[in-house]
Amino acid sequence: MAVDLAGRVAIVTGAAQGIGAATARKLSERGAFVVGVDIEGDKLRSVMDQLEGLAVEADVTDPEADERLIRRVHGEYERIDILVNVAGGTLGAGRGIEAVTIEEWQRVVTLNMSAPFYLAKAVAPI
């Protein structure tokens, strides 16, 4: 049984490719208005042009940018029903621990752990 998401607003991070793009497509197919977020603007727009939604090029590792994103979406659409934190990855850290710098590791941790927290914290009051 498919879930009807008509009238719902969904934010999907990492929507430019892979699981994020597939999630955005599925939510749109089920009727949600999808706000796709990714740092790769051209790829994101290519995905979002096929959907009922909005492409927002943004760096989810920036907590202030995340707060602005949430305020913008809530201000324009008066609701946020779904947040799907898909953005993530190894950012090249998979090449071996001896080759990874501390700065690279911090970027991986921020992308995979801090960014979802920043967004969830910004959405929680809504």
PDB file of N, CA and C in Angstrom:
ATOM      1  N   MET A   1       0.842  -1.175   0.000  1.00  0.00           N
ATOM      2  CA  MET A   1       0.000   0.000   0.000  1.00  0.00           C
ATOM      3  C   MET A   1       0.891   1.242   0.000  1.00  0.00           C
ATOM      4  N   ALA A   2       0.728   2.100  -0.980  1.00  0.00           N
ATOM      5  CA  ALA A   2       1.514   3.326  -1.089  1.00  0.00           C
ATOM      6  C   ALA A   2       0.974   4.386  -0.138  1.00  0.00           C
ATOM      7  N   VAL A   3       1.870   5.116   0.455  1.00  0.00           N
ATOM      8  CA  VAL A   3       1.511   6.202   1.354  1.00  0.00           C
ATOM      9  C   VAL A   3       1.291   7.461   0.527  1.00  0.00           C
ATOM     10  N   ASP A   4       0.154   8.117   0.733  1.00  0.00           N
ATOM     11  CA  ASP A   4      -0.152   9.354   0.030  1.00  0.00           C
ATOM     12  C   ASP A   4       0.463  10.522   0.794  1.00  0.00           C
ATOM     13  N   LEU A   5       1.336  11.265   0.138  1.00  0.00           N
ATOM     14  CA  LEU A   5       2.014  12.392   0.773  1.00  0.00           C
ATOM     15  C   LEU A   5       1.587  13.730   0.178  1.00  0.00           C
ATOM     16  N   ALA A   6       0.431  13.750  -0.477  1.00  0.00           N
ATOM     17  CA  ALA A   6      -0.067  14.984  -1.082  1.00  0.00           C
ATOM     18  C   ALA A   6      -0.161  16.078  -0.023  1.00  0.00           C
ATOM     19  N   GLY A   7       0.331  17.256  -0.388  1.00  0.00           N
ATOM     20  CA  GLY A   7       0.272  18.395   0.517  1.00  0.00           C
ATOM     21  C   GLY A   7       1.402  18.469   1.521  1.00  0.00           C
ATOM     22  N   ARG A   8       2.243  17.458   1.542  1.00  0.00           N
ATOM     23  CA  ARG A   8       3.375  17.440   2.485  1.00  0.00           C
ATOM     24  C   ARG A   8       4.592  18.101   1.866  1.00  0.00           C
ATOM     25  N   VAL A   9       5.431  18.690   2.707  1.00  0.00           N
ATOM     26  CA  VAL A   9       6.683  19.295   2.271  1.00  0.00           C
ATOM     27  C   VAL A   9       7.821  18.461   2.839  1.00  0.00           C
ATOM     28  N   ALA A  10       8.687  17.999   1.955  1.00  0.00           N
ATOM     29  CA  ALA A  10       9.811  17.146   2.347  1.00  0.00           C
ATOM     30  C   ALA A  10      11.129  17.795   1.939  1.00  0.00           C
ATOM     31  N   ILE A  11      12.089  17.783   2.851  1.00  0.00           N
ATOM     32  CA  ILE A  11      13.447  18.228   2.545  1.00  0.00           C
ATOM     33  C   ILE A  11      14.314  16.986   2.452  1.00  0.00           C
ATOM     34  N   VAL A  12      15.055  16.861   1.355  1.00  0.00           N
ATOM     35  CA  VAL A  12      15.952  15.724   1.149  1.00  0.00           C
ATOM     36  C   VAL A  12      17.354  16.274   0.880  1.00  0.00           C
ATOM     37  N   THR A  13      18.299  15.975   1.764  1.00  0.00           N
ATOM     38  CA  THR A  13      19.677  16.385   1.525  1.00  0.00           C
ATOM     39  C   THR A  13      20.386  15.310   0.706  1.00  0.00           C
ATOM     40  N   GLY A  14      21.395  15.725  -0.026  1.00  0.00           N
ATOM     41  CA  GLY A  14      22.105  14.780  -0.888  1.00  0.00           C
ATOM     42  C   GLY A  14      21.264  14.370  -2.076  1.00  0.00           C
ATOM     43  N   ALA A  15      20.356  15.249  -2.521  1.00  0.00           N
ATOM     44  CA  ALA A  15      19.380  14.909  -3.557  1.00  0.00           C
ATOM     45  C   ALA A  15      19.933  14.934  -4.977  1.00  0.00           C
ATOM     46  N   ALA A  16      21.204  15.263  -5.156  1.00  0.00           N
ATOM     47  CA  ALA A  16      21.756  15.361  -6.505  1.00  0.00           C
ATOM     48  C   ALA A  16      22.053  14.014  -7.141  1.00  0.00           C
ATOM     49  N   GLN A  17      22.160  12.958  -6.336  1.00  0.00           N
ATOM     50  CA  GLN A  17      22.527  11.659  -6.905  1.00  0.00           C
ATOM     51  C   GLN A  17      22.206  10.536  -5.941  1.00  0.00           C
ATOM     52  N   GLY A  18      22.329   9.327  -6.422  1.00  0.00           N
ATOM     53  CA  GLY A  18      22.234   8.128  -5.598  1.00  0.00           C
ATOM     54  C   GLY A  18      20.965   8.016  -4.769  1.00  0.00           C
ATOM     55  N   ILE A  19      21.133   7.628  -3.518  1.00  0.00           N
ATOM     56  CA  ILE A  19      20.004   7.401  -2.615  1.00  0.00           C
ATOM     57  C   ILE A  19      19.200   8.679  -2.406  1.00  0.00           C
ATOM     58  N   GLY A  20      19.872   9.821  -2.327  1.00  0.00           N
ATOM     59  CA  GLY A  20      19.158  11.080  -2.150  1.00  0.00           C
ATOM     60  C   GLY A  20      18.242  11.392  -3.323  1.00  0.00           C
ATOM     61  N   ALA A  21      18.738  11.221  -4.538  1.00  0.00           N
ATOM     62  CA  ALA A  21      17.915  11.461  -5.728  1.00  0.00           C
ATOM     63  C   ALA A  21      16.753  10.483  -5.783  1.00  0.00           C
ATOM     64  N   ALA A  22      17.013   9.215  -5.486  1.00  0.00           N
ATOM     65  CA  ALA A  22      15.952   8.203  -5.498  1.00  0.00           C
ATOM     66  C   ALA A  22      14.896   8.511  -4.442  1.00  0.00           C
ATOM     67  N   THR A  23      15.327   8.979  -3.282  1.00  0.00           N
ATOM     68  CA  THR A  23      14.389   9.333  -2.210  1.00  0.00           C
ATOM     69  C   THR A  23      13.538  10.521  -2.638  1.00  0.00           C
ATOM     70  N   ALA A  24      14.166  11.529  -3.226  1.00  0.00           N
ATOM     71  CA  ALA A  24      13.419  12.696  -3.704  1.00  0.00           C
ATOM     72  C   ALA A  24      12.380  12.276  -4.739  1.00  0.00           C
ATOM     73  N   ARG A  25      12.772  11.411  -5.671  1.00  0.00           N
ATOM     74  CA  ARG A  25      11.835  10.937  -6.699  1.00  0.00           C
ATOM     75  C   ARG A  25      10.655  10.190  -6.082  1.00  0.00           C
ATOM     76  N   LYS A  26      10.937   9.306  -5.145  1.00  0.00           N
ATOM     77  CA  LYS A  26       9.875   8.509  -4.538  1.00  0.00           C
ATOM     78  C   LYS A  26       8.904   9.387  -3.745  1.00  0.00           C
ATOM     79  N   LEU A  27       9.438  10.342  -2.985  1.00  0.00           N
ATOM     80  CA  LEU A  27       8.562  11.247  -2.239  1.00  0.00           C
ATOM     81  C   LEU A  27       7.695  12.067  -3.186  1.00  0.00           C
ATOM     82  N   SER A  28       8.282  12.528  -4.285  1.00  0.00           N
ATOM     83  CA  SER A  28       7.526  13.286  -5.281  1.00  0.00           C
ATOM     84  C   SER A  28       6.446  12.418  -5.925  1.00  0.00           C
ATOM     85  N   GLU A  29       6.788  11.188  -6.269  1.00  0.00           N
ATOM     86  CA  GLU A  29       5.810  10.256  -6.851  1.00  0.00           C
ATOM     87  C   GLU A  29       4.610  10.068  -5.934  1.00  0.00           C
ATOM     88  N   ARG A  30       4.859  10.138  -4.640  1.00  0.00           N
ATOM     89  CA  ARG A  30       3.784   9.944  -3.661  1.00  0.00           C
ATOM     90  C   ARG A  30       3.074  11.239  -3.294  1.00  0.00           C
ATOM     91  N   GLY A  31       3.419  12.320  -4.001  1.00  0.00           N
ATOM     92  CA  GLY A  31       2.667  13.551  -3.855  1.00  0.00           C
ATOM     93  C   GLY A  31       3.314  14.653  -3.049  1.00  0.00           C
ATOM     94  N   ALA A  32       4.462  14.413  -2.438  1.00  0.00           N
ATOM     95  CA  ALA A  32       5.115  15.450  -1.625  1.00  0.00           C
ATOM     96  C   ALA A  32       5.743  16.512  -2.509  1.00  0.00           C
ATOM     97  N   PHE A  33       5.774  17.728  -2.000  1.00  0.00           N
ATOM     98  CA  PHE A  33       6.570  18.789  -2.593  1.00  0.00           C
ATOM     99  C   PHE A  33       7.959  18.614  -2.008  1.00  0.00           C
ATOM    100  N   VAL A  34       8.965  18.420  -2.851  1.00  0.00           N
ATOM    101  CA  VAL A  34      10.303  18.072  -2.392  1.00  0.00           C
ATOM    102  C   VAL A  34      11.249  19.261  -2.540  1.00  0.00           C
ATOM    103  N   VAL A  35      11.933  19.580  -1.453  1.00  0.00           N
ATOM    104  CA  VAL A  35      13.015  20.550  -1.472  1.00  0.00           C
ATOM    105  C   VAL A  35      14.299  19.728  -1.470  1.00  0.00           C
ATOM    106  N   GLY A  36      14.927  19.651  -2.629  1.00  0.00           N
ATOM    107  CA  GLY A  36      16.177  18.910  -2.762  1.00  0.00           C
ATOM    108  C   GLY A  36      17.345  19.827  -2.438  1.00  0.00           C
ATOM    109  N   VAL A  37      18.255  19.332  -1.605  1.00  0.00           N
ATOM    110  CA  VAL A  37      19.393  20.134  -1.159  1.00  0.00           C
ATOM    111  C   VAL A  37      20.679  19.375  -1.481  1.00  0.00           C
ATOM    112  N   ASP A  38      21.628  20.092  -2.063  1.00  0.00           N
ATOM    113  CA  ASP A  38      22.922  19.478  -2.342  1.00  0.00           C
ATOM    114  C   ASP A  38      23.921  20.578  -2.660  1.00  0.00           C
ATOM    115  N   ILE A  39      25.176  20.278  -2.478  1.00  0.00           N
ATOM    116  CA  ILE A  39      26.253  21.223  -2.803  1.00  0.00           C
ATOM    117  C   ILE A  39      26.563  21.204  -4.303  1.00  0.00           C
ATOM    118  N   GLU A  40      26.155  20.149  -4.991  1.00  0.00           N
ATOM    119  CA  GLU A  40      26.399  20.008  -6.431  1.00  0.00           C
ATOM    120  C   GLU A  40      25.182  20.523  -7.203  1.00  0.00           C
ATOM    121  N   GLY A  41      25.177  21.834  -7.448  1.00  0.00           N
ATOM    122  CA  GLY A  41      24.020  22.510  -8.007  1.00  0.00           C
ATOM    123  C   GLY A  41      23.547  22.012  -9.353  1.00  0.00           C
ATOM    124  N   ASP A  42      24.446  21.798 -10.301  1.00  0.00           N
ATOM    125  CA  ASP A  42      24.026  21.366 -11.635  1.00  0.00           C
ATOM    126  C   ASP A  42      23.359  19.990 -11.596  1.00  0.00           C
ATOM    127  N   LYS A  43      23.972  19.067 -10.884  1.00  0.00           N
ATOM    128  CA  LYS A  43      23.384  17.726 -10.760  1.00  0.00           C
ATOM    129  C   LYS A  43      22.034  17.802 -10.051  1.00  0.00           C
ATOM    130  N   LEU A  44      21.974  18.610  -9.009  1.00  0.00           N
ATOM    131  CA  LEU A  44      20.729  18.750  -8.246  1.00  0.00           C
ATOM    132  C   LEU A  44      19.612  19.289  -9.133  1.00  0.00           C
ATOM    133  N   ARG A  45      19.897  20.341  -9.877  1.00  0.00           N
ATOM    134  CA  ARG A  45      18.868  20.917 -10.746  1.00  0.00           C
ATOM    135  C   ARG A  45      18.396  19.909 -11.792  1.00  0.00           C
ATOM    136  N   SER A  46      19.310  19.083 -12.283  1.00  0.00           N
ATOM    137  CA  SER A  46      18.938  18.056 -13.251  1.00  0.00           C
ATOM    138  C   SER A  46      17.923  17.078 -12.660  1.00  0.00           C
ATOM    139  N   VAL A  47      18.127  16.700 -11.420  1.00  0.00           N
ATOM    140  CA  VAL A  47      17.187  15.792 -10.736  1.00  0.00           C
ATOM    141  C   VAL A  47      15.875  16.510 -10.455  1.00  0.00           C
ATOM    142  N   MET A  48      15.971  17.698  -9.874  1.00  0.00           N
ATOM    143  CA  MET A  48      14.773  18.397  -9.413  1.00  0.00           C
ATOM    144  C   MET A  48      13.924  18.935 -10.557  1.00  0.00           C
ATOM    145  N   ASP A  49      14.511  19.151 -11.731  1.00  0.00           N
ATOM    146  CA  ASP A  49      13.727  19.592 -12.893  1.00  0.00           C
ATOM    147  C   ASP A  49      12.675  18.564 -13.279  1.00  0.00           C
ATOM    148  N   GLN A  50      12.867  17.329 -12.885  1.00  0.00           N
ATOM    149  CA  GLN A  50      11.939  16.248 -13.216  1.00  0.00           C
ATOM    150  C   GLN A  50      10.855  16.060 -12.159  1.00  0.00           C
ATOM    151  N   LEU A  51      10.926  16.821 -11.070  1.00  0.00           N
ATOM    152  CA  LEU A  51      10.036  16.607  -9.929  1.00  0.00           C
ATOM    153  C   LEU A  51       9.223  17.848  -9.603  1.00  0.00           C
ATOM    154  N   GLU A  52       8.215  17.667  -8.780  1.00  0.00           N
ATOM    155  CA  GLU A  52       7.471  18.783  -8.203  1.00  0.00           C
ATOM    156  C   GLU A  52       8.251  19.221  -6.978  1.00  0.00           C
ATOM    157  N   GLY A  53       9.010  20.301  -7.136  1.00  0.00           N
ATOM    158  CA  GLY A  53       9.810  20.708  -5.991  1.00  0.00           C
ATOM    159  C   GLY A  53      10.736  21.865  -6.292  1.00  0.00           C
ATOM    160  N   LEU A  54      11.703  22.024  -5.416  1.00  0.00           N
ATOM    161  CA  LEU A  54      12.627  23.143  -5.448  1.00  0.00           C
ATOM    162  C   LEU A  54      14.041  22.627  -5.226  1.00  0.00           C
ATOM    163  N   ALA A  55      14.981  23.105  -6.014  1.00  0.00           N
ATOM    164  CA  ALA A  55      16.399  22.771  -5.841  1.00  0.00           C
ATOM    165  C   ALA A  55      17.063  23.887  -5.045  1.00  0.00           C
ATOM    166  N   VAL A  56      17.761  23.518  -3.980  1.00  0.00           N
ATOM    167  CA  VAL A  56      18.494  24.496  -3.176  1.00  0.00           C
ATOM    168  C   VAL A  56      19.937  24.030  -3.073  1.00  0.00           C
ATOM    169  N   GLU A  57      20.824  24.799  -3.701  1.00  0.00           N
ATOM    170  CA  GLU A  57      22.246  24.493  -3.609  1.00  0.00           C
ATOM    171  C   GLU A  57      22.747  25.033  -2.281  1.00  0.00           C
ATOM    172  N   ALA A  58      23.218  24.135  -1.412  1.00  0.00           N
ATOM    173  CA  ALA A  58      23.667  24.549  -0.080  1.00  0.00           C
ATOM    174  C   ALA A  58      24.641  23.531   0.481  1.00  0.00           C
ATOM    175  N   ASP A  59      25.492  24.019   1.376  1.00  0.00           N
ATOM    176  CA  ASP A  59      26.443  23.178   2.090  1.00  0.00           C
ATOM    177  C   ASP A  59      25.836  22.840   3.447  1.00  0.00           C
ATOM    178  N   VAL A  60      25.385  21.610   3.613  1.00  0.00           N
ATOM    179  CA  VAL A  60      24.701  21.218   4.850  1.00  0.00           C
ATOM    180  C   VAL A  60      25.631  21.140   6.056  1.00  0.00           C
ATOM    181  N   THR A  61      26.936  21.274   5.834  1.00  0.00           N
ATOM    182  CA  THR A  61      27.864  21.259   6.970  1.00  0.00           C
ATOM    183  C   THR A  61      27.970  22.628   7.637  1.00  0.00           C
ATOM    184  N   ASP A  62      27.271  23.611   7.117  1.00  0.00           N
ATOM    185  CA  ASP A  62      27.271  24.959   7.669  1.00  0.00           C
ATOM    186  C   ASP A  62      25.994  25.155   8.488  1.00  0.00           C
ATOM    187  N   PRO A  63      26.086  25.173   9.823  1.00  0.00           N
ATOM    188  CA  PRO A  63      24.876  25.255  10.646  1.00  0.00           C
ATOM    189  C   PRO A  63      24.060  26.520  10.396  1.00  0.00           C
ATOM    190  N   GLU A  64      24.699  27.631  10.107  1.00  0.00           N
ATOM    191  CA  GLU A  64      23.957  28.867   9.834  1.00  0.00           C
ATOM    192  C   GLU A  64      23.205  28.770   8.517  1.00  0.00           C
ATOM    193  N   ALA A  65      23.828  28.156   7.505  1.00  0.00           N
ATOM    194  CA  ALA A  65      23.153  27.943   6.225  1.00  0.00           C
ATOM    195  C   ALA A  65      21.961  27.004   6.406  1.00  0.00           C
ATOM    196  N   ASP A  66      22.109  26.004   7.256  1.00  0.00           N
ATOM    197  CA  ASP A  66      21.003  25.076   7.522  1.00  0.00           C
ATOM    198  C   ASP A  66      19.826  25.804   8.168  1.00  0.00           C
ATOM    199  N   GLU A  67      20.110  26.667   9.116  1.00  0.00           N
ATOM    200  CA  GLU A  67      19.044  27.437   9.753  1.00  0.00           C
ATOM    201  C   GLU A  67      18.351  28.351   8.742  1.00  0.00           C
ATOM    202  N   ARG A  68      19.132  28.991   7.869  1.00  0.00           N
ATOM    203  CA  ARG A  68      18.533  29.836   6.826  1.00  0.00           C
ATOM    204  C   ARG A  68      17.660  29.003   5.892  1.00  0.00           C
ATOM    205  N   LEU A  69      18.135  27.816   5.520  1.00  0.00           N
ATOM    206  CA  LEU A  69      17.364  26.928   4.657  1.00  0.00           C
ATOM    207  C   LEU A  69      16.022  26.587   5.290  1.00  0.00           C
ATOM    208  N   ILE A  70      16.054  26.186   6.539  1.00  0.00           N
ATOM    209  CA  ILE A  70      14.817  25.790   7.221  1.00  0.00           C
ATOM    210  C   ILE A  70      13.874  26.982   7.345  1.00  0.00           C
ATOM    211  N   ARG A  71      14.394  28.151   7.705  1.00  0.00           N
ATOM    212  CA  ARG A  71      13.542  29.354   7.793  1.00  0.00           C
ATOM    213  C   ARG A  71      12.924  29.681   6.427  1.00  0.00           C
ATOM    214  N   ARG A  72      13.730  29.555   5.370  1.00  0.00           N
ATOM    215  CA  ARG A  72      13.233  29.842   4.022  1.00  0.00           C
ATOM    216  C   ARG A  72      12.098  28.898   3.638  1.00  0.00           C
ATOM    217  N   VAL A  73      12.344  27.600   3.807  1.00  0.00           N
ATOM    218  CA  VAL A  73      11.328  26.608   3.417  1.00  0.00           C
ATOM    219  C   VAL A  73      10.062  26.797   4.253  1.00  0.00           C
ATOM    220  N   HIS A  74      10.224  26.954   5.547  1.00  0.00           N
ATOM    221  CA  HIS A  74       9.058  27.136   6.411  1.00  0.00           C
ATOM    222  C   HIS A  74       8.327  28.430   6.068  1.00  0.00           C
ATOM    223  N   GLY A  75       9.068  29.497   5.789  1.00  0.00           N
ATOM    224  CA  GLY A  75       8.456  30.766   5.427  1.00  0.00           C
ATOM    225  C   GLY A  75       7.674  30.700   4.124  1.00  0.00           C
ATOM    226  N   GLU A  76       8.218  29.994   3.142  1.00  0.00           N
ATOM    227  CA  GLU A  76       7.573  29.919   1.821  1.00  0.00           C
ATOM    228  C   GLU A  76       6.426  28.919   1.783  1.00  0.00           C
ATOM    229  N   TYR A  77       6.550  27.809   2.482  1.00  0.00           N
ATOM    230  CA  TYR A  77       5.567  26.735   2.355  1.00  0.00           C
ATOM    231  C   TYR A  77       4.761  26.501   3.635  1.00  0.00           C
ATOM    232  N   GLU A  78       5.111  27.214   4.701  1.00  0.00           N
ATOM    233  CA  GLU A  78       4.391  27.215   5.978  1.00  0.00           C
ATOM    234  C   GLU A  78       4.360  25.859   6.677  1.00  0.00           C
ATOM    235  N   ARG A  79       5.215  24.970   6.257  1.00  0.00           N
ATOM    236  CA  ARG A  79       5.290  23.660   6.913  1.00  0.00           C
ATOM    237  C   ARG A  79       6.525  22.911   6.443  1.00  0.00           C
ATOM    238  N   ILE A  80       6.978  22.016   7.259  1.00  0.00           N
ATOM    239  CA  ILE A  80       7.999  21.034   6.900  1.00  0.00           C
ATOM    240  C   ILE A  80       7.558  19.754   7.579  1.00  0.00           C
ATOM    241  N   ASP A  81       7.194  18.773   6.777  1.00  0.00           N
ATOM    242  CA  ASP A  81       6.655  17.529   7.313  1.00  0.00           C
ATOM    243  C   ASP A  81       7.683  16.416   7.380  1.00  0.00           C
ATOM    244  N   ILE A  82       8.644  16.451   6.480  1.00  0.00           N
ATOM    245  CA  ILE A  82       9.590  15.341   6.345  1.00  0.00           C
ATOM    246  C   ILE A  82      10.990  15.910   6.157  1.00  0.00           C
ATOM    247  N   LEU A  83      11.941  15.367   6.902  1.00  0.00           N
ATOM    248  CA  LEU A  83      13.359  15.687   6.708  1.00  0.00           C
ATOM    249  C   LEU A  83      14.094  14.370   6.513  1.00  0.00           C
ATOM    250  N   VAL A  84      14.760  14.238   5.367  1.00  0.00           N
ATOM    251  CA  VAL A  84      15.534  13.036   5.076  1.00  0.00           C
ATOM    252  C   VAL A  84      16.989  13.460   4.891  1.00  0.00           C
ATOM    253  N   ASN A  85      17.827  13.122   5.854  1.00  0.00           N
ATOM    254  CA  ASN A  85      19.249  13.460   5.820  1.00  0.00           C
ATOM    255  C   ASN A  85      20.009  12.350   5.108  1.00  0.00           C
ATOM    256  N   VAL A  86      20.237  12.535   3.810  1.00  0.00           N
ATOM    257  CA  VAL A  86      20.939  11.527   3.024  1.00  0.00           C
ATOM    258  C   VAL A  86      22.377  11.958   2.729  1.00  0.00           C
ATOM    259  N   ALA A  87      22.633  13.257   2.669  1.00  0.00           N
ATOM    260  CA  ALA A  87      23.981  13.745   2.338  1.00  0.00           C
ATOM    261  C   ALA A  87      25.000  13.068   3.243  1.00  0.00           C
ATOM    262  N   GLY A  88      26.047  12.584   2.639  1.00  0.00           N
ATOM    263  CA  GLY A  88      27.085  11.909   3.413  1.00  0.00           C
ATOM    264  C   GLY A  88      28.123  11.330   2.483  1.00  0.00           C
ATOM    265  N   GLY A  89      29.103  10.717   3.062  1.00  0.00           N
ATOM    266  CA  GLY A  89      30.134  10.093   2.254  1.00  0.00           C
ATOM    267  C   GLY A  89      31.465  10.074   2.965  1.00  0.00           C
ATOM    268  N   THR A  90      32.456   9.540   2.280  1.00  0.00           N
ATOM    269  CA  THR A  90      33.790   9.428   2.871  1.00  0.00           C
ATOM    270  C   THR A  90      34.712  10.550   2.439  1.00  0.00           C
ATOM    271  N   LEU A  91      34.311  11.318   1.431  1.00  0.00           N
ATOM    272  CA  LEU A  91      35.110  12.448   0.951  1.00  0.00           C
ATOM    273  C   LEU A  91      36.567  12.055   0.695  1.00  0.00           C
ATOM    274  N   GLY A  92      36.757  10.870   0.193  1.00  0.00           N
ATOM    275  CA  GLY A  92      38.100  10.393  -0.117  1.00  0.00           C
ATOM    276  C   GLY A  92      38.809   9.704   1.033  1.00  0.00           C
ATOM    277  N   ALA A  93      38.198   9.675   2.215  1.00  0.00           N
ATOM    278  CA  ALA A  93      38.846   9.074   3.380  1.00  0.00           C
ATOM    279  C   ALA A  93      38.964   7.549   3.257  1.00  0.00           C
ATOM    280  N   GLY A  94      38.271   6.963   2.305  1.00  0.00           N
ATOM    281  CA  GLY A  94      38.333   5.525   2.113  1.00  0.00           C
ATOM    282  C   GLY A  94      39.631   5.051   1.479  1.00  0.00           C
ATOM    283  N   ARG A  95      40.534   5.939   1.191  1.00  0.00           N
ATOM    284  CA  ARG A  95      41.782   5.542   0.526  1.00  0.00           C
ATOM    285  C   ARG A  95      42.798   4.968   1.502  1.00  0.00           C
ATOM    286  N   GLY A  96      42.505   4.963   2.775  1.00  0.00           N
ATOM    287  CA  GLY A  96      43.415   4.384   3.769  1.00  0.00           C
ATOM    288  C   GLY A  96      43.731   5.369   4.870  1.00  0.00           C
ATOM    289  N   ILE A  97      43.705   4.904   6.092  1.00  0.00           N
ATOM    290  CA  ILE A  97      43.874   5.784   7.243  1.00  0.00           C
ATOM    291  C   ILE A  97      45.206   6.523   7.235  1.00  0.00           C
ATOM    292  N   GLU A  98      46.242   5.873   6.737  1.00  0.00           N
ATOM    293  CA  GLU A  98      47.552   6.530   6.731  1.00  0.00           C
ATOM    294  C   GLU A  98      47.599   7.739   5.801  1.00  0.00           C
ATOM    295  N   ALA A  99      46.687   7.791   4.834  1.00  0.00           N
ATOM    296  CA  ALA A  99      46.671   8.890   3.867  1.00  0.00           C
ATOM    297  C   ALA A  99      45.699  10.010   4.245  1.00  0.00           C
ATOM    298  N   VAL A 100      44.860   9.776   5.249  1.00  0.00           N
ATOM    299  CA  VAL A 100      43.826  10.750   5.614  1.00  0.00           C
ATOM    300  C   VAL A 100      44.384  11.762   6.605  1.00  0.00           C
ATOM    301  N   THR A 101      44.177  13.025   6.288  1.00  0.00           N
ATOM    302  CA  THR A 101      44.617  14.065   7.210  1.00  0.00           C
ATOM    303  C   THR A 101      43.541  14.292   8.289  1.00  0.00           C
ATOM    304  N   ILE A 102      43.925  14.936   9.352  1.00  0.00           N
ATOM    305  CA  ILE A 102      42.983  15.269  10.418  1.00  0.00           C
ATOM    306  C   ILE A 102      41.887  16.181   9.873  1.00  0.00           C
ATOM    307  N   GLU A 103      42.248  17.129   9.019  1.00  0.00           N
ATOM    308  CA  GLU A 103      41.267  18.047   8.442  1.00  0.00           C
ATOM    309  C   GLU A 103      40.258  17.294   7.577  1.00  0.00           C
ATOM    310  N   GLU A 104      40.731  16.331   6.790  1.00  0.00           N
ATOM    311  CA  GLU A 104      39.815  15.531   5.971  1.00  0.00           C
ATOM    312  C   GLU A 104      38.873  14.732   6.855  1.00  0.00           C
ATOM    313  N   TRP A 105      39.405  14.146   7.909  1.00  0.00           N
ATOM    314  CA  TRP A 105      38.572  13.360   8.815  1.00  0.00           C
ATOM    315  C   TRP A 105      37.502  14.242   9.472  1.00  0.00           C
ATOM    316  N   GLN A 106      37.865  15.445   9.866  1.00  0.00           N
ATOM    317  CA  GLN A 106      36.891  16.354  10.464  1.00  0.00           C
ATOM    318  C   GLN A 106      35.770  16.686   9.477  1.00  0.00           C
ATOM    319  N   ARG A 107      36.108  16.838   8.202  1.00  0.00           N
ATOM    320  CA  ARG A 107      35.082  17.085   7.181  1.00  0.00           C
ATOM    321  C   ARG A 107      34.126  15.901   7.059  1.00  0.00           C
ATOM    322  N   VAL A 108      34.673  14.671   7.121  1.00  0.00           N
ATOM    323  CA  VAL A 108      33.837  13.466   7.049  1.00  0.00           C
ATOM    324  C   VAL A 108      32.883  13.413   8.244  1.00  0.00           C
ATOM    325  N   VAL A 109      33.398  13.648   9.430  1.00  0.00           N
ATOM    326  CA  VAL A 109      32.571  13.619  10.643  1.00  0.00           C
ATOM    327  C   VAL A 109      31.500  14.705  10.580  1.00  0.00           C
ATOM    328  N   THR A 110      31.881  15.894  10.158  1.00  0.00           N
ATOM    329  CA  THR A 110      30.911  16.988  10.072  1.00  0.00           C
ATOM    330  C   THR A 110      29.801  16.664   9.085  1.00  0.00           C
ATOM    331  N   LEU A 111      30.158  16.150   7.916  1.00  0.00           N
ATOM    332  CA  LEU A 111      29.153  15.818   6.905  1.00  0.00           C
ATOM    333  C   LEU A 111      28.216  14.710   7.370  1.00  0.00           C
ATOM    334  N   ASN A 112      28.761  13.671   7.963  1.00  0.00           N
ATOM    335  CA  ASN A 112      27.965  12.488   8.287  1.00  0.00           C
ATOM    336  C   ASN A 112      27.279  12.534   9.649  1.00  0.00           C
ATOM    337  N   MET A 113      27.812  13.305  10.575  1.00  0.00           N
ATOM    338  CA  MET A 113      27.232  13.337  11.921  1.00  0.00           C
ATOM    339  C   MET A 113      26.684  14.710  12.302  1.00  0.00           C
ATOM    340  N   SER A 114      27.456  15.746  12.095  1.00  0.00           N
ATOM    341  CA  SER A 114      27.024  17.064  12.542  1.00  0.00           C
ATOM    342  C   SER A 114      25.922  17.647  11.661  1.00  0.00           C
ATOM    343  N   ALA A 115      26.053  17.538  10.353  1.00  0.00           N
ATOM    344  CA  ALA A 115      25.060  18.126   9.454  1.00  0.00           C
ATOM    345  C   ALA A 115      23.643  17.609   9.719  1.00  0.00           C
ATOM    346  N   PRO A 116      23.432  16.299   9.878  1.00  0.00           N
ATOM    347  CA  PRO A 116      22.077  15.845  10.194  1.00  0.00           C
ATOM    348  C   PRO A 116      21.556  16.416  11.517  1.00  0.00           C
ATOM    349  N   PHE A 117      22.450  16.565  12.487  1.00  0.00           N
ATOM    350  CA  PHE A 117      22.061  17.169  13.762  1.00  0.00           C
ATOM    351  C   PHE A 117      21.658  18.625  13.561  1.00  0.00           C
ATOM    352  N   TYR A 118      22.462  19.384  12.810  1.00  0.00           N
ATOM    353  CA  TYR A 118      22.143  20.790  12.565  1.00  0.00           C
ATOM    354  C   TYR A 118      20.748  20.944  11.955  1.00  0.00           C
ATOM    355  N   LEU A 119      20.467  20.124  10.953  1.00  0.00           N
ATOM    356  CA  LEU A 119      19.176  20.220  10.280  1.00  0.00           C
ATOM    357  C   LEU A 119      18.021  19.766  11.175  1.00  0.00           C
ATOM    358  N   ALA A 120      18.210  18.672  11.885  1.00  0.00           N
ATOM    359  CA  ALA A 120      17.155  18.196  12.785  1.00  0.00           C
ATOM    360  C   ALA A 120      16.875  19.228  13.871  1.00  0.00           C
ATOM    361  N   LYS A 121      17.918  19.836  14.399  1.00  0.00           N
ATOM    362  CA  LYS A 121      17.755  20.859  15.434  1.00  0.00           C
ATOM    363  C   LYS A 121      16.994  22.068  14.895  1.00  0.00           C
ATOM    364  N   ALA A 122      17.275  22.460  13.652  1.00  0.00           N
ATOM    365  CA  ALA A 122      16.580  23.589  13.046  1.00  0.00           C
ATOM    366  C   ALA A 122      15.116  23.279  12.747  1.00  0.00           C
ATOM    367  N   VAL A 123      14.822  22.036  12.396  1.00  0.00           N
ATOM    368  CA  VAL A 123      13.448  21.639  12.060  1.00  0.00           C
ATOM    369  C   VAL A 123      12.609  21.338  13.302  1.00  0.00           C
ATOM    370  N   ALA A 124      13.227  20.872  14.370  1.00  0.00           N
ATOM    371  CA  ALA A 124      12.500  20.407  15.553  1.00  0.00           C
ATOM    372  C   ALA A 124      11.443  21.378  16.069  1.00  0.00           C
ATOM    373  N   PRO A 125      11.713  22.668  16.184  1.00  0.00           N
ATOM    374  CA  PRO A 125      10.674  23.567  16.697  1.00  0.00           C
ATOM    375  C   PRO A 125       9.439  23.667  15.793  1.00  0.00           C
ATOM    376  N   ILE A 126       9.613  23.342  14.522  1.00  0.00           N
ATOM    377  CA  ILE A 126       8.497  23.429  13.566  1.00  0.00           C
ATOM    378  C   ILE A 126       7.603  22.215  13.732  1.00  0.00           C
TER     379      ILE A 126
END
